[in-house]
């Protein structure tokens, strides 16, 4: 994949009520095959939609004719499969290539879990280029012991769960750009997603507080959130690495300890 699409489509850090702590956690949010189309909700970004269904955001953008200057908007229908796999009904989801005057950032008036940084006052812009241009150099987002490994449980764990105390620092596992910061994905609670080199994303879920906003560049080891239990039955950090949209075992990338 080429790096032509570096895009932050929609989204402030709010848009949904916090997920209940009675949830089973991130693995309970596991989805089956992606539907033919998806209607954009407040708080969504292209990254969060692709993440929800295990898709590569670059493919979703290409299927919908979305460029780096486009923004998704509430009510828009996005195609989540190639055109050859559209539903037999023959009704194609509307593309974001329609009038640009209708495109707005997906936002909401609800309060955000994000702390420390003020709300932006200017119009949203596409995300800056990823902070990492070479091979991604990974480090642990938290030093706690592993509670649950990749692939374990039913449904299978798409990352690893790390034990920590409420308020412990959650650190960026590699330099990158914040492409999602909010609580709109059921089962993940307050979550941050970082884009590292357009091929790799990392996700940090169940945070009590978030300190970054979409579009922020972060350095490896920078504090981006604090451990919590939002969307989970206990206090922990759920950490994922996704390559081209697919979950991969973080233990294959993180340094041995």
Protein backbone atom coordinates (compact mmCIF):
# COMPACT_ATOMS: atom_id res chain seq x y z
CA UNK A 1 0.00 0.00 0.00
CA UNK A 2 1.21 3.46 -0.77
CA UNK A 3 1.19 6.24 1.75
CA UNK A 4 -0.97 8.57 -0.32
CA UNK A 5 -3.81 8.53 2.13
CA UNK A 6 -2.93 10.21 5.38
CA UNK A 7 -6.30 11.23 6.67
CA UNK A 8 -8.18 12.01 9.82
CA UNK A 9 -11.81 11.74 8.88
CA UNK A 10 -14.20 13.15 11.41
CA UNK A 11 -14.39 12.85 15.09
CA UNK A 12 -13.90 14.67 18.27
CA UNK A 13 -13.20 12.72 21.39
CA UNK A 14 -16.87 12.60 22.33
CA UNK A 15 -20.00 11.25 20.73
CA UNK A 16 -21.21 8.41 22.93
CA UNK A 17 -22.09 7.78 26.52
CA UNK A 18 -19.39 5.82 28.39
CA UNK A 19 -19.62 2.06 28.02
CA UNK A 20 -20.90 0.31 31.14
CA UNK A 21 -18.35 -1.41 33.33
CA UNK A 22 -20.50 -4.55 33.25
CA UNK A 23 -19.17 -5.16 29.75
CA UNK A 24 -16.88 -8.13 29.25
CA UNK A 25 -14.25 -5.83 27.79
CA UNK A 26 -12.74 -5.37 24.34
CA UNK A 27 -13.10 -8.99 23.26
CA UNK A 28 -16.89 -8.71 23.73
CA UNK A 29 -16.87 -6.13 20.93
CA UNK A 30 -15.74 -8.73 18.42
CA UNK A 31 -17.67 -8.48 15.15
CA UNK A 32 -18.31 -10.98 12.39
CA UNK A 33 -17.71 -10.20 8.72
CA UNK A 34 -18.15 -6.55 7.84
CA UNK A 35 -21.60 -5.60 6.53
CA UNK A 36 -21.93 -4.33 2.97
CA UNK A 37 -22.34 -0.78 4.25
CA UNK A 38 -22.29 1.29 7.42
CA UNK A 39 -24.16 4.48 8.35
CA UNK A 40 -21.81 7.00 9.97
CA UNK A 41 -22.69 7.99 13.54
CA UNK A 42 -21.63 11.00 15.60
CA UNK A 43 -18.12 10.49 16.97
CA UNK A 44 -17.04 8.10 14.21
CA UNK A 45 -13.80 8.42 12.29
CA UNK A 46 -12.75 6.42 9.26
CA UNK A 47 -10.20 4.71 11.51
CA UNK A 48 -12.71 3.73 14.19
CA UNK A 49 -15.14 2.33 11.61
CA UNK A 50 -12.40 0.27 9.97
CA UNK A 51 -11.11 -0.83 13.39
CA UNK A 52 -14.57 -2.01 14.45
CA UNK A 53 -14.78 -4.44 11.54
CA UNK A 54 -11.11 -5.41 11.23
CA UNK A 55 -10.61 -3.55 7.94
CA UNK A 56 -7.75 -1.49 6.54
CA UNK A 57 -8.85 2.16 6.62
CA UNK A 58 -7.05 2.74 3.31
CA UNK A 59 -9.24 0.15 1.61
CA UNK A 60 -12.41 1.67 3.07
CA UNK A 61 -11.31 5.07 1.78
CA UNK A 62 -10.59 3.69 -1.67
CA UNK A 63 -13.92 1.82 -1.89
CA UNK A 64 -15.72 5.10 -1.15
CA UNK A 65 -13.66 7.47 -3.27
CA UNK A 66 -12.45 9.31 -0.18
CA UNK A 67 -9.35 11.45 -0.54
CA UNK A 68 -7.13 13.04 2.09
CA UNK A 69 -9.20 16.23 1.86
CA UNK A 70 -12.58 14.65 2.52
CA UNK A 71 -14.49 14.33 5.78
CA UNK A 72 -17.18 11.83 6.65
CA UNK A 73 -20.44 13.11 8.12
CA UNK A 74 -23.33 11.75 10.22
CA UNK A 75 -25.87 9.79 8.20
CA UNK A 76 -23.47 9.07 5.35
CA UNK A 77 -23.41 5.46 4.16
CA UNK A 78 -19.96 4.00 3.61
CA UNK A 79 -19.25 0.87 1.58
CA UNK A 80 -17.36 -1.70 3.66
CA UNK A 81 -16.76 -4.22 0.89
CA UNK A 82 -15.37 -3.91 -2.64
CA UNK A 83 -17.93 -2.95 -5.27
CA UNK A 84 -17.93 -6.53 -6.60
CA UNK A 85 -19.20 -7.71 -3.20
CA UNK A 86 -22.13 -5.33 -2.86
CA UNK A 87 -25.40 -6.71 -1.59
CA UNK A 88 -27.73 -8.31 -4.14
CA UNK A 89 -30.24 -5.51 -3.63
CA UNK A 90 -28.16 -3.45 -6.03
CA UNK A 91 -28.34 -0.31 -3.91
CA UNK A 92 -24.85 1.10 -3.59
CA UNK A 93 -23.94 3.07 -0.46
CA UNK A 94 -23.49 6.76 -1.11
CA UNK A 95 -19.89 7.86 -1.52
CA UNK A 96 -18.18 10.76 0.15
CA UNK A 97 -17.35 12.09 -3.30
CA UNK A 98 -20.59 14.08 -3.23
CA UNK A 99 -20.65 17.83 -2.72
CA UNK A 100 -17.85 18.88 -0.40
CA UNK A 101 -20.08 21.57 1.09
CA UNK A 102 -22.06 18.81 2.82
CA UNK A 103 -19.01 17.31 4.50
CA UNK A 104 -18.52 18.12 8.15
CA UNK A 105 -16.54 16.64 10.97
CA UNK A 106 -18.51 14.04 12.90
CA UNK A 107 -18.95 15.56 16.32
CA UNK A 108 -21.22 15.76 19.32
CA UNK A 109 -22.08 18.11 22.11
CA UNK A 110 -21.54 15.51 24.83
CA UNK A 111 -18.66 15.87 27.24
CA UNK A 112 -15.36 14.24 26.39
CA UNK A 113 -13.15 12.01 28.56
CA UNK A 114 -10.11 13.85 27.22
CA UNK A 115 -8.18 15.98 29.71
CA UNK A 116 -5.52 18.67 29.62
CA UNK A 117 -5.81 19.99 26.05
CA UNK A 118 -8.32 22.68 24.96
CA UNK A 119 -10.96 22.13 22.30
CA UNK A 120 -9.78 23.19 18.84
CA UNK A 121 -11.41 26.36 17.59
CA UNK A 122 -10.47 26.13 13.90
CA UNK A 123 -12.02 23.88 11.26
CA UNK A 124 -10.74 20.30 11.33
CA UNK A 125 -7.95 19.36 8.94
CA UNK A 126 -6.67 16.05 7.59
CA UNK A 127 -4.21 14.38 9.95
CA UNK A 128 -0.53 15.26 9.60
CA UNK A 129 1.90 12.70 8.27
CA UNK A 130 2.71 9.88 10.73
CA UNK A 131 5.54 10.77 13.08
CA UNK A 132 7.33 7.51 12.23
CA UNK A 133 8.64 7.13 8.68
CA UNK A 134 10.95 4.12 9.08
CA UNK A 135 10.41 0.73 10.71
CA UNK A 136 8.22 1.07 13.78
CA UNK A 137 10.20 0.75 17.01
CA UNK A 138 7.90 -0.66 19.66
CA UNK A 139 8.06 -0.39 23.43
CA UNK A 140 5.75 -1.48 26.23
CA UNK A 141 2.82 0.87 26.91
CA UNK A 142 2.81 -0.19 30.58
CA UNK A 143 5.17 -2.39 32.67
CA UNK A 144 2.42 -4.50 34.29
CA UNK A 145 2.19 -8.26 33.95
CA UNK A 146 0.05 -9.90 31.28
CA UNK A 147 -3.44 -10.83 32.43
CA UNK A 148 -4.60 -12.34 29.15
CA UNK A 149 -2.64 -13.07 26.00
CA UNK A 150 -3.45 -12.76 22.32
CA UNK A 151 -5.99 -15.21 20.93
CA UNK A 152 -7.14 -16.54 24.30
CA UNK A 153 -10.73 -16.82 25.50
CA UNK A 154 -14.09 -16.84 23.76
CA UNK A 155 -14.34 -14.74 21.71
CA UNK A 156 -10.62 -14.61 21.02
CA UNK A 157 -8.62 -11.73 22.46
CA UNK A 158 -7.46 -9.41 19.65
CA UNK A 159 -4.64 -8.01 21.77
CA UNK A 160 -3.20 -8.41 25.24
CA UNK A 161 -4.57 -7.31 28.61
CA UNK A 162 -2.06 -5.74 31.01
CA UNK A 163 -2.68 -5.38 34.74
CA UNK A 164 -2.25 -1.93 36.21
CA UNK A 165 -3.54 0.38 38.90
CA UNK A 166 -6.18 3.04 38.39
CA UNK A 167 -4.44 6.18 37.18
CA UNK A 168 -1.20 4.50 36.03
CA UNK A 169 0.30 6.13 32.94
CA UNK A 170 -0.47 4.60 29.55
CA UNK A 171 2.36 5.43 27.15
CA UNK A 172 2.54 5.44 23.35
CA UNK A 173 4.15 2.18 22.21
CA UNK A 174 5.73 3.98 19.24
CA UNK A 175 5.80 7.44 17.69
CA UNK A 176 2.69 8.23 15.69
CA UNK A 177 -0.42 10.33 15.17
CA UNK A 178 -3.65 10.10 17.18
CA UNK A 179 -6.40 9.00 14.78
CA UNK A 180 -9.09 8.17 17.34
CA UNK A 181 -9.72 9.40 20.88
CA UNK A 182 -13.08 8.59 22.42
CA UNK A 183 -15.50 5.98 23.72
CA UNK A 184 -17.64 5.11 20.71
CA UNK A 185 -16.57 1.47 20.22
CA UNK A 186 -18.64 -0.82 22.40
CA UNK A 187 -16.55 -2.86 24.81
CA UNK A 188 -13.40 -0.72 24.55
CA UNK A 189 -14.39 2.12 26.87
CA UNK A 190 -12.22 5.22 26.58
CA UNK A 191 -9.79 4.35 23.80
CA UNK A 192 -6.92 5.88 21.85
CA UNK A 193 -5.79 4.66 18.42
CA UNK A 194 -2.43 5.71 16.97
CA UNK A 195 -1.34 5.52 13.33
CA UNK A 196 2.37 4.80 13.07
CA UNK A 197 3.36 4.41 9.44
CA UNK A 198 0.02 3.91 7.65
CA UNK A 199 0.52 0.14 7.91
CA UNK A 200 0.45 -0.24 11.68
CA UNK A 201 -2.10 1.00 14.21
CA UNK A 202 -1.94 0.56 17.97
CA UNK A 203 -4.92 0.78 20.33
CA UNK A 204 -5.15 1.47 24.07
CA UNK A 205 -8.51 0.69 25.71
CA UNK A 206 -10.38 0.94 29.05
CA UNK A 207 -8.63 4.19 30.06
CA UNK A 208 -9.92 6.31 32.91
CA UNK A 209 -8.67 9.51 31.26
CA UNK A 210 -7.26 10.46 27.87
CA UNK A 211 -4.72 13.25 27.34
CA UNK A 212 -4.52 13.45 23.55
CA UNK A 213 -6.82 14.49 20.74
CA UNK A 214 -7.18 13.38 17.16
CA UNK A 215 -4.45 14.89 15.02
CA UNK A 216 -1.90 15.12 17.85
CA UNK A 217 1.60 13.84 17.10
CA UNK A 218 3.03 11.80 19.96
CA UNK A 219 6.48 10.45 20.70
CA UNK A 220 7.28 6.91 21.78
CA UNK A 221 6.90 6.70 25.55
CA UNK A 222 4.74 9.83 25.79
CA UNK A 223 1.86 9.62 28.27
CA UNK A 224 -1.41 9.49 26.32
CA UNK A 225 -3.87 8.19 28.92
CA UNK A 226 -4.33 6.68 32.37
CA UNK A 227 -5.36 3.11 33.14
CA UNK A 228 -8.96 2.55 34.15
CA UNK A 229 -11.87 0.13 33.81
CA UNK A 230 -14.23 1.83 31.34
CA UNK A 231 -15.85 -0.86 29.23
CA UNK A 232 -14.26 -3.64 31.31
CA UNK A 233 -14.99 -5.73 34.39
CA UNK A 234 -11.67 -4.84 36.04
CA UNK A 235 -8.91 -2.23 35.94
CA UNK A 236 -6.49 -2.99 33.11
CA UNK A 237 -5.01 -1.82 29.83
CA UNK A 238 -6.16 -3.60 26.69
CA UNK A 239 -3.48 -3.13 24.02
CA UNK A 240 -3.68 -4.05 20.35
CA UNK A 241 -1.44 -3.80 17.30
CA UNK A 242 -3.08 -4.02 13.88
CA UNK A 243 -1.23 -4.49 10.63
CA UNK A 244 -3.18 -3.48 7.51
CA UNK A 245 -6.31 -3.60 9.67
CA UNK A 246 -5.72 -7.13 10.99
CA UNK A 247 -5.01 -7.86 14.68
CA UNK A 248 -1.54 -9.29 15.25
CA UNK A 249 0.10 -10.66 18.39
CA UNK A 250 1.73 -7.68 20.19
CA UNK A 251 4.23 -10.05 21.83
CA UNK A 252 5.88 -10.55 18.44
CA UNK A 253 6.63 -6.82 18.27
CA UNK A 254 7.20 -5.68 21.85
CA UNK A 255 10.71 -6.04 23.37
CA UNK A 256 11.29 -9.12 25.49
CA UNK A 257 11.30 -8.49 29.22
